[in-house]
Amino acid sequence: MGEAQHDADVAALLASRDILGESAAAVVEEARKASGTTLSQEQATALLIGPPFFHILTGRSADAIDTEQLAHQFLRALNRPGT
């Protein structure tokens, strides 16, 4: 993503498709249905992919991501009253 700031071809590629959102779509939709949340697909996708994306963009090791904890946080967020 950082490369897109300096390379027009990379920026165009990233703008042409939502690679992360597309890959998360099935999981997010299933979780939305199961929870009964009122969050949109886009909002729920941001909750799922945002934390690991931020982790990596800030220079931390992908190996240090606690995926189980992030999955639990995602599910808790979907099940909050009013969401």
PDB file of N, CA and C in Angstrom:
ATOM      1  N   MET A   1       0.823  -1.186   0.000  1.00  0.00           N
ATOM      2  CA  MET A   1       0.000   0.000   0.000  1.00  0.00           C
ATOM      3  C   MET A   1       0.869   1.252   0.000  1.00  0.00           C
ATOM      4  N   GLY A   2       1.928   1.205   0.767  1.00  0.00           N
ATOM      5  CA  GLY A   2       2.823   2.349   0.796  1.00  0.00           C
ATOM      6  C   GLY A   2       3.420   2.625  -0.569  1.00  0.00           C
ATOM      7  N   GLU A   3       3.668   1.562  -1.330  1.00  0.00           N
ATOM      8  CA  GLU A   3       4.247   1.710  -2.664  1.00  0.00           C
ATOM      9  C   GLU A   3       3.297   2.476  -3.591  1.00  0.00           C
ATOM     10  N   ALA A   4       2.001   2.376  -3.340  1.00  0.00           N
ATOM     11  CA  ALA A   4       1.016   3.063  -4.187  1.00  0.00           C
ATOM     12  C   ALA A   4       1.162   4.575  -4.108  1.00  0.00           C
ATOM     13  N   GLN A   5       1.751   5.061  -3.031  1.00  0.00           N
ATOM     14  CA  GLN A   5       1.962   6.499  -2.897  1.00  0.00           C
ATOM     15  C   GLN A   5       3.036   6.992  -3.857  1.00  0.00           C
ATOM     16  N   HIS A   6       3.882   6.081  -4.342  1.00  0.00           N
ATOM     17  CA  HIS A   6       5.010   6.479  -5.175  1.00  0.00           C
ATOM     18  C   HIS A   6       4.981   5.901  -6.581  1.00  0.00           C
ATOM     19  N   ASP A   7       4.102   4.964  -6.829  1.00  0.00           N
ATOM     20  CA  ASP A   7       4.077   4.275  -8.120  1.00  0.00           C
ATOM     21  C   ASP A   7       2.658   4.295  -8.673  1.00  0.00           C
ATOM     22  N   ALA A   8       2.464   5.019  -9.747  1.00  0.00           N
ATOM     23  CA  ALA A   8       1.126   5.166 -10.334  1.00  0.00           C
ATOM     24  C   ALA A   8       0.542   3.834 -10.788  1.00  0.00           C
ATOM     25  N   ASP A   9       1.381   2.920 -11.274  1.00  0.00           N
ATOM     26  CA  ASP A   9       0.883   1.618 -11.712  1.00  0.00           C
ATOM     27  C   ASP A   9       0.359   0.797 -10.536  1.00  0.00           C
ATOM     28  N   VAL A  10       1.063   0.842  -9.425  1.00  0.00           N
ATOM     29  CA  VAL A  10       0.609   0.125  -8.222  1.00  0.00           C
ATOM     30  C   VAL A  10      -0.681   0.758  -7.712  1.00  0.00           C
ATOM     31  N   ALA A  11      -0.747   2.068  -7.701  1.00  0.00           N
ATOM     32  CA  ALA A  11      -1.957   2.761  -7.254  1.00  0.00           C
ATOM     33  C   ALA A  11      -3.152   2.382  -8.122  1.00  0.00           C
ATOM     34  N   ALA A  12      -2.947   2.314  -9.432  1.00  0.00           N
ATOM     35  CA  ALA A  12      -4.034   1.946 -10.343  1.00  0.00           C
ATOM     36  C   ALA A  12      -4.489   0.511 -10.108  1.00  0.00           C
ATOM     37  N   LEU A  13      -3.557  -0.392  -9.868  1.00  0.00           N
ATOM     38  CA  LEU A  13      -3.903  -1.785  -9.593  1.00  0.00           C
ATOM     39  C   LEU A  13      -4.733  -1.896  -8.320  1.00  0.00           C
ATOM     40  N   LEU A  14      -4.304  -1.223  -7.267  1.00  0.00           N
ATOM     41  CA  LEU A  14      -5.034  -1.281  -6.006  1.00  0.00           C
ATOM     42  C   LEU A  14      -6.415  -0.631  -6.118  1.00  0.00           C
ATOM     43  N   ALA A  15      -6.535   0.392  -6.936  1.00  0.00           N
ATOM     44  CA  ALA A  15      -7.813   1.071  -7.110  1.00  0.00           C
ATOM     45  C   ALA A  15      -8.786   0.266  -7.966  1.00  0.00           C
ATOM     46  N   SER A  16      -8.257  -0.672  -8.753  1.00  0.00           N
ATOM     47  CA  SER A  16      -9.107  -1.406  -9.684  1.00  0.00           C
ATOM     48  C   SER A  16      -9.908  -2.528  -9.029  1.00  0.00           C
ATOM     49  N   ARG A  17      -9.429  -3.029  -7.898  1.00  0.00           N
ATOM     50  CA  ARG A  17     -10.112  -4.143  -7.225  1.00  0.00           C
ATOM     51  C   ARG A  17      -9.957  -4.010  -5.716  1.00  0.00           C
ATOM     52  N   ASP A  18     -10.941  -4.496  -5.009  1.00  0.00           N
ATOM     53  CA  ASP A  18     -10.880  -4.553  -3.550  1.00  0.00           C
ATOM     54  C   ASP A  18     -10.439  -5.965  -3.177  1.00  0.00           C
ATOM     55  N   ILE A  19      -9.158  -6.224  -3.292  1.00  0.00           N
ATOM     56  CA  ILE A  19      -8.626  -7.569  -3.104  1.00  0.00           C
ATOM     57  C   ILE A  19      -8.919  -8.086  -1.706  1.00  0.00           C
ATOM     58  N   LEU A  20      -8.705  -7.279  -0.699  1.00  0.00           N
ATOM     59  CA  LEU A  20      -8.943  -7.728   0.678  1.00  0.00           C
ATOM     60  C   LEU A  20     -10.423  -7.931   0.947  1.00  0.00           C
ATOM     61  N   GLY A  21     -11.238  -6.997   0.508  1.00  0.00           N
ATOM     62  CA  GLY A  21     -12.678  -7.119   0.713  1.00  0.00           C
ATOM     63  C   GLY A  21     -13.270  -8.309  -0.006  1.00  0.00           C
ATOM     64  N   GLU A  22     -12.799  -8.547  -1.219  1.00  0.00           N
ATOM     65  CA  GLU A  22     -13.299  -9.686  -1.992  1.00  0.00           C
ATOM     66  C   GLU A  22     -12.958 -11.000  -1.309  1.00  0.00           C
ATOM     67  N   SER A  23     -11.738 -11.101  -0.790  1.00  0.00           N
ATOM     68  CA  SER A  23     -11.336 -12.348  -0.157  1.00  0.00           C
ATOM     69  C   SER A  23     -12.053 -12.571   1.169  1.00  0.00           C
ATOM     70  N   ALA A  24     -12.498 -11.517   1.825  1.00  0.00           N
ATOM     71  CA  ALA A  24     -13.188 -11.633   3.109  1.00  0.00           C
ATOM     72  C   ALA A  24     -14.705 -11.728   2.969  1.00  0.00           C
ATOM     73  N   ALA A  25     -15.229 -11.498   1.788  1.00  0.00           N
ATOM     74  CA  ALA A  25     -16.674 -11.354   1.592  1.00  0.00           C
ATOM     75  C   ALA A  25     -17.497 -12.527   2.115  1.00  0.00           C
ATOM     76  N   ALA A  26     -17.118 -13.742   1.810  1.00  0.00           N
ATOM     77  CA  ALA A  26     -17.905 -14.903   2.230  1.00  0.00           C
ATOM     78  C   ALA A  26     -17.918 -15.054   3.750  1.00  0.00           C
ATOM     79  N   VAL A  27     -16.771 -14.875   4.369  1.00  0.00           N
ATOM     80  CA  VAL A  27     -16.683 -14.994   5.828  1.00  0.00           C
ATOM     81  C   VAL A  27     -17.506 -13.902   6.494  1.00  0.00           C
ATOM     82  N   VAL A  28     -17.362 -12.697   5.997  1.00  0.00           N
ATOM     83  CA  VAL A  28     -18.069 -11.557   6.589  1.00  0.00           C
ATOM     84  C   VAL A  28     -19.576 -11.722   6.434  1.00  0.00           C
ATOM     85  N   GLU A  29     -20.024 -12.108   5.271  1.00  0.00           N
ATOM     86  CA  GLU A  29     -21.470 -12.256   5.056  1.00  0.00           C
ATOM     87  C   GLU A  29     -22.050 -13.333   5.960  1.00  0.00           C
ATOM     88  N   GLU A  30     -21.370 -14.438   6.097  1.00  0.00           N
ATOM     89  CA  GLU A  30     -21.841 -15.519   6.972  1.00  0.00           C
ATOM     90  C   GLU A  30     -21.902 -15.052   8.429  1.00  0.00           C
ATOM     91  N   ALA A  31     -20.884 -14.339   8.868  1.00  0.00           N
ATOM     92  CA  ALA A  31     -20.858 -13.828  10.240  1.00  0.00           C
ATOM     93  C   ALA A  31     -21.957 -12.787  10.458  1.00  0.00           C
ATOM     94  N   ARG A  32     -22.198 -11.949   9.461  1.00  0.00           N
ATOM     95  CA  ARG A  32     -23.273 -10.945   9.573  1.00  0.00           C
ATOM     96  C   ARG A  32     -24.618 -11.625   9.717  1.00  0.00           C
ATOM     97  N   LYS A  33     -24.871 -12.639   8.908  1.00  0.00           N
ATOM     98  CA  LYS A  33     -26.149 -13.363   8.981  1.00  0.00           C
ATOM     99  C   LYS A  33     -26.315 -14.042  10.330  1.00  0.00           C
ATOM    100  N   ALA A  34     -25.271 -14.699  10.805  1.00  0.00           N
ATOM    101  CA  ALA A  34     -25.344 -15.435  12.073  1.00  0.00           C
ATOM    102  C   ALA A  34     -25.560 -14.501  13.266  1.00  0.00           C
ATOM    103  N   SER A  35     -24.994 -13.309  13.203  1.00  0.00           N
ATOM    104  CA  SER A  35     -25.086 -12.389  14.336  1.00  0.00           C
ATOM    105  C   SER A  35     -26.348 -11.542  14.315  1.00  0.00           C
ATOM    106  N   GLY A  36     -26.911 -11.343  13.136  1.00  0.00           N
ATOM    107  CA  GLY A  36     -28.066 -10.462  13.022  1.00  0.00           C
ATOM    108  C   GLY A  36     -27.695  -8.990  13.109  1.00  0.00           C
ATOM    109  N   THR A  37     -26.432  -8.670  12.906  1.00  0.00           N
ATOM    110  CA  THR A  37     -25.970  -7.289  12.996  1.00  0.00           C
ATOM    111  C   THR A  37     -26.630  -6.412  11.937  1.00  0.00           C
ATOM    112  N   THR A  38     -26.680  -5.134  12.238  1.00  0.00           N
ATOM    113  CA  THR A  38     -27.173  -4.172  11.252  1.00  0.00           C
ATOM    114  C   THR A  38     -26.016  -3.500  10.519  1.00  0.00           C
ATOM    115  N   LEU A  39     -24.786  -3.908  10.848  1.00  0.00           N
ATOM    116  CA  LEU A  39     -23.636  -3.359  10.140  1.00  0.00           C
ATOM    117  C   LEU A  39     -23.675  -3.774   8.676  1.00  0.00           C
ATOM    118  N   SER A  40     -23.260  -2.871   7.825  1.00  0.00           N
ATOM    119  CA  SER A  40     -23.195  -3.179   6.400  1.00  0.00           C
ATOM    120  C   SER A  40     -22.044  -4.139   6.137  1.00  0.00           C
ATOM    121  N   GLN A  41     -22.033  -4.714   4.946  1.00  0.00           N
ATOM    122  CA  GLN A  41     -20.939  -5.585   4.531  1.00  0.00           C
ATOM    123  C   GLN A  41     -19.613  -4.823   4.625  1.00  0.00           C
ATOM    124  N   GLU A  42     -19.615  -3.589   4.177  1.00  0.00           N
ATOM    125  CA  GLU A  42     -18.395  -2.775   4.197  1.00  0.00           C
ATOM    126  C   GLU A  42     -17.923  -2.502   5.627  1.00  0.00           C
ATOM    127  N   GLN A  43     -18.840  -2.172   6.517  1.00  0.00           N
ATOM    128  CA  GLN A  43     -18.468  -1.904   7.910  1.00  0.00           C
ATOM    129  C   GLN A  43     -17.906  -3.161   8.573  1.00  0.00           C
ATOM    130  N   ALA A  44     -18.569  -4.287   8.364  1.00  0.00           N
ATOM    131  CA  ALA A  44     -18.101  -5.532   8.964  1.00  0.00           C
ATOM    132  C   ALA A  44     -16.758  -5.956   8.381  1.00  0.00           C
ATOM    133  N   THR A  45     -16.573  -5.756   7.097  1.00  0.00           N
ATOM    134  CA  THR A  45     -15.295  -6.092   6.469  1.00  0.00           C
ATOM    135  C   THR A  45     -14.176  -5.247   7.071  1.00  0.00           C
ATOM    136  N   ALA A  46     -14.439  -3.982   7.298  1.00  0.00           N
ATOM    137  CA  ALA A  46     -13.433  -3.103   7.913  1.00  0.00           C
ATOM    138  C   ALA A  46     -13.052  -3.598   9.304  1.00  0.00           C
ATOM    139  N   LEU A  47     -14.043  -4.099  10.053  1.00  0.00           N
ATOM    140  CA  LEU A  47     -13.758  -4.633  11.385  1.00  0.00           C
ATOM    141  C   LEU A  47     -12.889  -5.890  11.320  1.00  0.00           C
ATOM    142  N   LEU A  48     -13.064  -6.679  10.274  1.00  0.00           N
ATOM    143  CA  LEU A  48     -12.308  -7.918  10.136  1.00  0.00           C
ATOM    144  C   LEU A  48     -10.893  -7.671   9.626  1.00  0.00           C
ATOM    145  N   ILE A  49     -10.765  -6.915   8.564  1.00  0.00           N
ATOM    146  CA  ILE A  49      -9.443  -6.784   7.942  1.00  0.00           C
ATOM    147  C   ILE A  49      -8.660  -5.564   8.413  1.00  0.00           C
ATOM    148  N   GLY A  50      -9.328  -4.619   9.042  1.00  0.00           N
ATOM    149  CA  GLY A  50      -8.647  -3.411   9.491  1.00  0.00           C
ATOM    150  C   GLY A  50      -7.518  -3.653  10.486  1.00  0.00           C
ATOM    151  N   PRO A  51      -7.765  -4.387  11.570  1.00  0.00           N
ATOM    152  CA  PRO A  51      -6.697  -4.573  12.561  1.00  0.00           C
ATOM    153  C   PRO A  51      -5.432  -5.253  12.018  1.00  0.00           C
ATOM    154  N   PRO A  52      -5.529  -6.363  11.288  1.00  0.00           N
ATOM    155  CA  PRO A  52      -4.275  -6.935  10.786  1.00  0.00           C
ATOM    156  C   PRO A  52      -3.613  -6.040   9.725  1.00  0.00           C
ATOM    157  N   PHE A  53      -4.420  -5.362   8.941  1.00  0.00           N
ATOM    158  CA  PHE A  53      -3.897  -4.448   7.929  1.00  0.00           C
ATOM    159  C   PHE A  53      -3.100  -3.332   8.607  1.00  0.00           C
ATOM    160  N   PHE A  54      -3.672  -2.751   9.650  1.00  0.00           N
ATOM    161  CA  PHE A  54      -2.993  -1.699  10.404  1.00  0.00           C
ATOM    162  C   PHE A  54      -1.705  -2.238  11.017  1.00  0.00           C
ATOM    163  N   HIS A  55      -1.778  -3.417  11.584  1.00  0.00           N
ATOM    164  CA  HIS A  55      -0.615  -4.052  12.215  1.00  0.00           C
ATOM    165  C   HIS A  55       0.548  -4.138  11.229  1.00  0.00           C
ATOM    166  N   ILE A  56       0.272  -4.606  10.043  1.00  0.00           N
ATOM    167  CA  ILE A  56       1.318  -4.789   9.039  1.00  0.00           C
ATOM    168  C   ILE A  56       1.808  -3.450   8.488  1.00  0.00           C
ATOM    169  N   LEU A  57       0.878  -2.521   8.238  1.00  0.00           N
ATOM    170  CA  LEU A  57       1.279  -1.214   7.700  1.00  0.00           C
ATOM    171  C   LEU A  57       2.136  -0.410   8.663  1.00  0.00           C
ATOM    172  N   THR A  58       2.023  -0.704   9.956  1.00  0.00           N
ATOM    173  CA  THR A  58       2.832   0.022  10.933  1.00  0.00           C
ATOM    174  C   THR A  58       4.171  -0.663  11.173  1.00  0.00           C
ATOM    175  N   GLY A  59       4.498  -1.647  10.335  1.00  0.00           N
ATOM    176  CA  GLY A  59       5.818  -2.254  10.364  1.00  0.00           C
ATOM    177  C   GLY A  59       5.998  -3.415  11.302  1.00  0.00           C
ATOM    178  N   ARG A  60       4.921  -3.891  11.891  1.00  0.00           N
ATOM    179  CA  ARG A  60       5.031  -5.025  12.795  1.00  0.00           C
ATOM    180  C   ARG A  60       5.048  -6.325  11.996  1.00  0.00           C
ATOM    181  N   SER A  61       5.575  -7.345  12.607  1.00  0.00           N
ATOM    182  CA  SER A  61       5.675  -8.645  11.950  1.00  0.00           C
ATOM    183  C   SER A  61       4.295  -9.292  11.820  1.00  0.00           C
ATOM    184  N   ALA A  62       4.023  -9.843  10.661  1.00  0.00           N
ATOM    185  CA  ALA A  62       2.767 -10.571  10.463  1.00  0.00           C
ATOM    186  C   ALA A  62       2.692 -11.779  11.380  1.00  0.00           C
ATOM    187  N   ASP A  63       3.826 -12.334  11.734  1.00  0.00           N
ATOM    188  CA  ASP A  63       3.852 -13.491  12.637  1.00  0.00           C
ATOM    189  C   ASP A  63       3.367 -13.143  14.037  1.00  0.00           C
ATOM    190  N   ALA A  64       3.400 -11.879  14.391  1.00  0.00           N
ATOM    191  CA  ALA A  64       2.991 -11.456  15.733  1.00  0.00           C
ATOM    192  C   ALA A  64       1.492 -11.192  15.840  1.00  0.00           C
ATOM    193  N   ILE A  65       0.767 -11.339  14.759  1.00  0.00           N
ATOM    194  CA  ILE A  65      -0.679 -11.104  14.786  1.00  0.00           C
ATOM    195  C   ILE A  65      -1.359 -12.282  15.473  1.00  0.00           C
ATOM    196  N   ASP A  66      -2.142 -11.986  16.487  1.00  0.00           N
ATOM    197  CA  ASP A  66      -2.896 -13.018  17.200  1.00  0.00           C
ATOM    198  C   ASP A  66      -4.251 -13.168  16.493  1.00  0.00           C
ATOM    199  N   THR A  67      -4.294 -14.055  15.525  1.00  0.00           N
ATOM    200  CA  THR A  67      -5.501 -14.190  14.697  1.00  0.00           C
ATOM    201  C   THR A  67      -6.694 -14.674  15.506  1.00  0.00           C
ATOM    202  N   GLU A  68      -6.464 -15.511  16.491  1.00  0.00           N
ATOM    203  CA  GLU A  68      -7.581 -15.991  17.317  1.00  0.00           C
ATOM    204  C   GLU A  68      -8.205 -14.830  18.090  1.00  0.00           C
ATOM    205  N   GLN A  69      -7.362 -13.996  18.675  1.00  0.00           N
ATOM    206  CA  GLN A  69      -7.863 -12.835  19.406  1.00  0.00           C
ATOM    207  C   GLN A  69      -8.623 -11.892  18.466  1.00  0.00           C
ATOM    208  N   LEU A  70      -8.078 -11.652  17.281  1.00  0.00           N
ATOM    209  CA  LEU A  70      -8.749 -10.767  16.325  1.00  0.00           C
ATOM    210  C   LEU A  70     -10.093 -11.344  15.874  1.00  0.00           C
ATOM    211  N   ALA A  71     -10.161 -12.655  15.700  1.00  0.00           N
ATOM    212  CA  ALA A  71     -11.427 -13.292  15.313  1.00  0.00           C
ATOM    213  C   ALA A  71     -12.465 -13.112  16.413  1.00  0.00           C
ATOM    214  N   HIS A  72     -12.050 -13.290  17.663  1.00  0.00           N
ATOM    215  CA  HIS A  72     -12.986 -13.102  18.784  1.00  0.00           C
ATOM    216  C   HIS A  72     -13.449 -11.650  18.870  1.00  0.00           C
ATOM    217  N   GLN A  73     -12.534 -10.712  18.658  1.00  0.00           N
ATOM    218  CA  GLN A  73     -12.907  -9.297  18.681  1.00  0.00           C
ATOM    219  C   GLN A  73     -13.917  -8.984  17.581  1.00  0.00           C
ATOM    220  N   PHE A  74     -13.691  -9.538  16.406  1.00  0.00           N
ATOM    221  CA  PHE A  74     -14.600  -9.328  15.274  1.00  0.00           C
ATOM    222  C   PHE A  74     -15.994  -9.840  15.609  1.00  0.00           C
ATOM    223  N   LEU A  75     -16.060 -11.050  16.127  1.00  0.00           N
ATOM    224  CA  LEU A  75     -17.365 -11.631  16.455  1.00  0.00           C
ATOM    225  C   LEU A  75     -18.058 -10.870  17.574  1.00  0.00           C
ATOM    226  N   ARG A  76     -17.307 -10.422  18.576  1.00  0.00           N
ATOM    227  CA  ARG A  76     -17.898  -9.630  19.655  1.00  0.00           C
ATOM    228  C   ARG A  76     -18.461  -8.318  19.105  1.00  0.00           C
ATOM    229  N   ALA A  77     -17.730  -7.688  18.199  1.00  0.00           N
ATOM    230  CA  ALA A  77     -18.184  -6.432  17.613  1.00  0.00           C
ATOM    231  C   ALA A  77     -19.486  -6.628  16.849  1.00  0.00           C
ATOM    232  N   LEU A  78     -19.602  -7.727  16.123  1.00  0.00           N
ATOM    233  CA  LEU A  78     -20.837  -7.987  15.371  1.00  0.00           C
ATOM    234  C   LEU A  78     -22.018  -8.256  16.295  1.00  0.00           C
ATOM    235  N   ASN A  79     -21.746  -8.806  17.455  1.00  0.00           N
ATOM    236  CA  ASN A  79     -22.813  -9.180  18.369  1.00  0.00           C
ATOM    237  C   ASN A  79     -23.164  -8.122  19.402  1.00  0.00           C
ATOM    238  N   ARG A  80     -22.538  -6.943  19.304  1.00  0.00           N
ATOM    239  CA  ARG A  80     -22.861  -5.861  20.222  1.00  0.00           C
ATOM    240  C   ARG A  80     -24.284  -5.359  19.952  1.00  0.00           C
ATOM    241  N   PRO A  81     -25.040  -5.082  21.003  1.00  0.00           N
ATOM    242  CA  PRO A  81     -26.367  -4.498  20.792  1.00  0.00           C
ATOM    243  C   PRO A  81     -26.257  -3.187  20.028  1.00  0.00           C
ATOM    244  N   GLY A  82     -27.166  -2.999  19.118  1.00  0.00           N
ATOM    245  CA  GLY A  82     -27.192  -1.771  18.332  1.00  0.00           C
ATOM    246  C   GLY A  82     -26.350  -1.830  17.074  1.00  0.00           C
ATOM    247  N   THR A  83     -25.687  -2.986  16.822  1.00  0.00           N
ATOM    248  CA  THR A  83     -24.888  -3.080  15.604  1.00  0.00           C
ATOM    249  C   THR A  83     -25.580  -3.972  14.606  1.00  0.00           C
TER     250      THR A  83
END
